[in-house]
Amino acid sequence: MAERKVQTSLKRLVGRSISRPHEPISNDEASRVALSLGFDLPFDLRRLYSLVRAGTFRRRFFANDKYEYEINALIPASSGSPRNVATVYDDVVRRRHLIPVGLLPFATGSGGDFYCVDLKDSSILFVPMDPPGSSPRLVATTLEDFLGGLAEELDF
């Protein structure tokens, strides 16, 4: 029952936050993505991709006590897409070492920055690409808090 309530809440957040959503991924496709990554998708991210494969964000802004963030698009989960969560991970984590090991990019910002899920605790971190080597910043403690905190515009 609790799992169903959480899934319904996440579905509502996805519906109000993501425009032009793509169909969700199947369990088989999630397994293929995990095989490409070499590890399972974090639970919350797998739940997100079970609702929507990819899309752009309608609610694009997030602010916490320290920073304001702009998010652009959900990185596709499809193993058939040339640029997907597994190929992005291989590129920016394994090959170019732009993002620390242990963080999985799942969305992009408007400036080419990344939003990542911490594989240890499922928190959401922002990883700026400029300047290179910038430290990740904690954005939200859960994916649901992150999606729930997105706004169409920031109040100044």
Protein backbone atom coordinates (compact mmCIF):
# COMPACT_ATOMS: atom_id res chain seq x y z
CA MET A 1 0.00 0.00 0.00
CA ALA A 2 2.80 2.46 0.91
CA GLU A 3 4.62 1.65 -2.36
CA ARG A 4 1.46 2.41 -4.36
CA LYS A 5 1.01 5.75 -2.54
CA VAL A 6 4.62 6.74 -3.29
CA GLN A 7 4.24 5.71 -6.96
CA THR A 8 1.02 7.75 -7.24
CA SER A 9 2.77 10.76 -5.70
CA LEU A 10 5.70 10.41 -8.09
CA LYS A 11 3.31 10.03 -11.04
CA ARG A 12 1.59 13.30 -10.05
CA LEU A 13 4.95 15.08 -9.77
CA VAL A 14 6.09 13.78 -13.16
CA GLY A 15 2.80 14.82 -14.76
CA ARG A 16 3.10 18.41 -13.58
CA SER A 17 6.89 18.74 -14.06
CA ILE A 18 7.73 17.09 -17.40
CA SER A 19 6.40 18.22 -20.76
CA ARG A 20 6.47 16.08 -23.90
CA PRO A 21 7.03 12.88 -21.90
CA HIS A 22 8.10 9.75 -23.75
CA GLU A 23 6.55 6.38 -22.97
CA PRO A 24 7.98 4.58 -19.91
CA ILE A 25 10.61 1.89 -20.11
CA SER A 26 9.74 -1.76 -19.62
CA ASN A 27 11.33 -4.02 -17.01
CA ASP A 28 13.31 -5.70 -19.80
CA GLU A 29 14.63 -2.35 -20.98
CA ALA A 30 15.52 -1.33 -17.41
CA SER A 31 17.50 -4.58 -17.16
CA ARG A 32 19.33 -3.79 -20.43
CA VAL A 33 20.20 -0.29 -19.13
CA ALA A 34 21.49 -1.83 -15.88
CA LEU A 35 23.58 -4.30 -17.87
CA SER A 36 25.07 -1.42 -19.89
CA LEU A 37 25.83 0.52 -16.71
CA GLY A 38 27.23 -2.48 -14.86
CA PHE A 39 24.90 -1.86 -11.89
CA ASP A 40 21.19 -1.57 -11.18
CA LEU A 41 19.43 1.74 -11.57
CA PRO A 42 18.76 3.31 -8.16
CA PHE A 43 15.24 2.47 -6.96
CA ASP A 44 13.84 6.03 -7.22
CA LEU A 45 15.32 6.55 -10.67
CA ARG A 46 13.95 3.22 -11.87
CA ARG A 47 10.51 4.30 -10.59
CA LEU A 48 10.85 7.58 -12.49
CA TYR A 49 11.81 5.81 -15.71
CA SER A 50 8.89 3.38 -15.19
CA LEU A 51 6.66 6.46 -15.63
CA VAL A 52 8.55 8.36 -18.32
CA ARG A 53 11.52 7.38 -20.52
CA ALA A 54 12.62 10.94 -21.31
CA GLY A 55 11.24 14.46 -21.63
CA THR A 56 11.87 18.13 -21.10
CA PHE A 57 11.00 19.88 -17.88
CA ARG A 58 8.05 22.26 -17.80
CA ARG A 59 8.92 23.24 -14.23
CA ARG A 60 12.56 24.08 -14.77
CA PHE A 61 13.74 25.86 -11.65
CA PHE A 62 14.76 24.65 -8.21
CA ALA A 63 16.03 26.74 -5.32
CA ASN A 64 17.35 25.71 -1.94
CA ASP A 65 18.95 27.71 0.89
CA LYS A 66 22.16 28.33 -1.04
CA TYR A 67 21.62 28.12 -4.79
CA GLU A 68 19.15 28.43 -7.65
CA TYR A 69 19.21 25.77 -10.34
CA GLU A 70 17.78 25.40 -13.84
CA ILE A 71 17.04 21.96 -15.23
CA ASN A 72 16.43 21.23 -18.89
CA ALA A 73 15.84 17.58 -19.81
CA LEU A 74 15.64 14.08 -18.43
CA ILE A 75 18.41 11.96 -19.97
CA PRO A 76 16.70 9.12 -21.89
CA ALA A 77 16.72 5.69 -20.28
CA SER A 78 16.36 3.87 -23.59
CA SER A 79 19.21 1.53 -24.38
CA GLY A 80 18.29 2.07 -28.05
CA SER A 81 18.99 5.82 -27.93
CA PRO A 82 22.55 6.86 -28.85
CA ARG A 83 22.66 9.33 -25.93
CA ASN A 84 21.13 7.66 -22.92
CA VAL A 85 21.80 7.34 -19.21
CA ALA A 86 24.35 4.52 -19.79
CA THR A 87 26.27 6.24 -22.62
CA VAL A 88 26.33 9.54 -20.71
CA TYR A 89 27.64 7.72 -17.61
CA ASP A 90 30.35 6.04 -19.69
CA ASP A 91 31.34 9.39 -21.22
CA VAL A 92 31.35 11.80 -18.27
CA VAL A 93 32.16 9.41 -15.40
CA ARG A 94 34.26 6.56 -16.80
CA ARG A 95 35.98 8.12 -19.81
CA ARG A 96 36.39 11.85 -19.15
CA HIS A 97 36.18 11.77 -15.31
CA LEU A 98 34.06 14.95 -15.21
CA ILE A 99 31.70 13.52 -12.61
CA PRO A 100 32.84 11.47 -9.60
CA VAL A 101 32.31 7.72 -9.57
CA GLY A 102 29.22 6.97 -7.50
CA LEU A 103 27.06 9.63 -9.15
CA LEU A 104 24.69 8.74 -11.98
CA PRO A 105 23.67 11.63 -14.29
CA PHE A 106 19.92 11.53 -15.02
CA ALA A 107 19.15 15.08 -16.20
CA THR A 108 20.86 18.07 -17.78
CA GLY A 109 20.81 21.76 -17.05
CA SER A 110 20.53 24.45 -19.68
CA GLY A 111 24.28 25.10 -19.60
CA GLY A 112 25.40 21.49 -20.05
CA ASP A 113 25.56 20.82 -16.31
CA PHE A 114 24.29 17.55 -14.85
CA TYR A 115 21.88 16.46 -12.14
CA CYS A 116 22.91 13.15 -10.62
CA VAL A 117 21.61 10.52 -8.24
CA ASP A 118 24.09 9.51 -5.56
CA LEU A 119 24.32 5.72 -5.80
CA LYS A 120 24.89 5.41 -2.03
CA ASP A 121 21.98 7.40 -0.58
CA SER A 122 19.82 8.39 -3.62
CA SER A 123 20.23 12.10 -2.93
CA ILE A 124 20.21 14.50 -5.89
CA LEU A 125 23.33 16.49 -6.67
CA PHE A 126 24.11 19.23 -9.17
CA VAL A 127 27.46 18.90 -10.96
CA PRO A 128 28.52 22.06 -12.81
CA MET A 129 30.72 21.56 -15.86
CA ASP A 130 32.20 25.06 -15.74
CA PRO A 131 34.75 25.34 -14.35
CA PRO A 132 35.87 21.73 -14.89
CA GLY A 133 36.41 19.84 -11.67
CA SER A 134 33.76 21.78 -9.73
CA SER A 135 32.47 19.97 -6.65
CA PRO A 136 29.00 18.43 -6.71
CA ARG A 137 26.36 20.30 -4.68
CA LEU A 138 23.54 18.69 -2.76
CA VAL A 139 20.22 19.82 -4.25
CA ALA A 140 17.67 17.56 -2.54
CA THR A 141 17.76 14.49 -0.31
CA THR A 142 15.36 12.50 -2.54
CA LEU A 143 14.21 12.48 -6.14
CA GLU A 144 10.64 13.08 -4.97
CA ASP A 145 11.73 16.18 -3.00
CA PHE A 146 13.61 17.39 -6.07
CA LEU A 147 10.65 16.96 -8.42
CA GLY A 148 8.29 18.42 -5.84
CA GLY A 149 10.49 21.50 -5.47
CA LEU A 150 10.58 22.35 -9.17
CA ALA A 151 8.89 25.60 -10.17
CA GLU A 152 7.99 27.26 -13.46
CA GLU A 153 9.78 30.42 -12.37
CA LEU A 154 11.71 31.68 -9.38
CA ASP A 155 10.43 34.44 -7.13
CA PHE A 156 13.00 37.16 -6.71
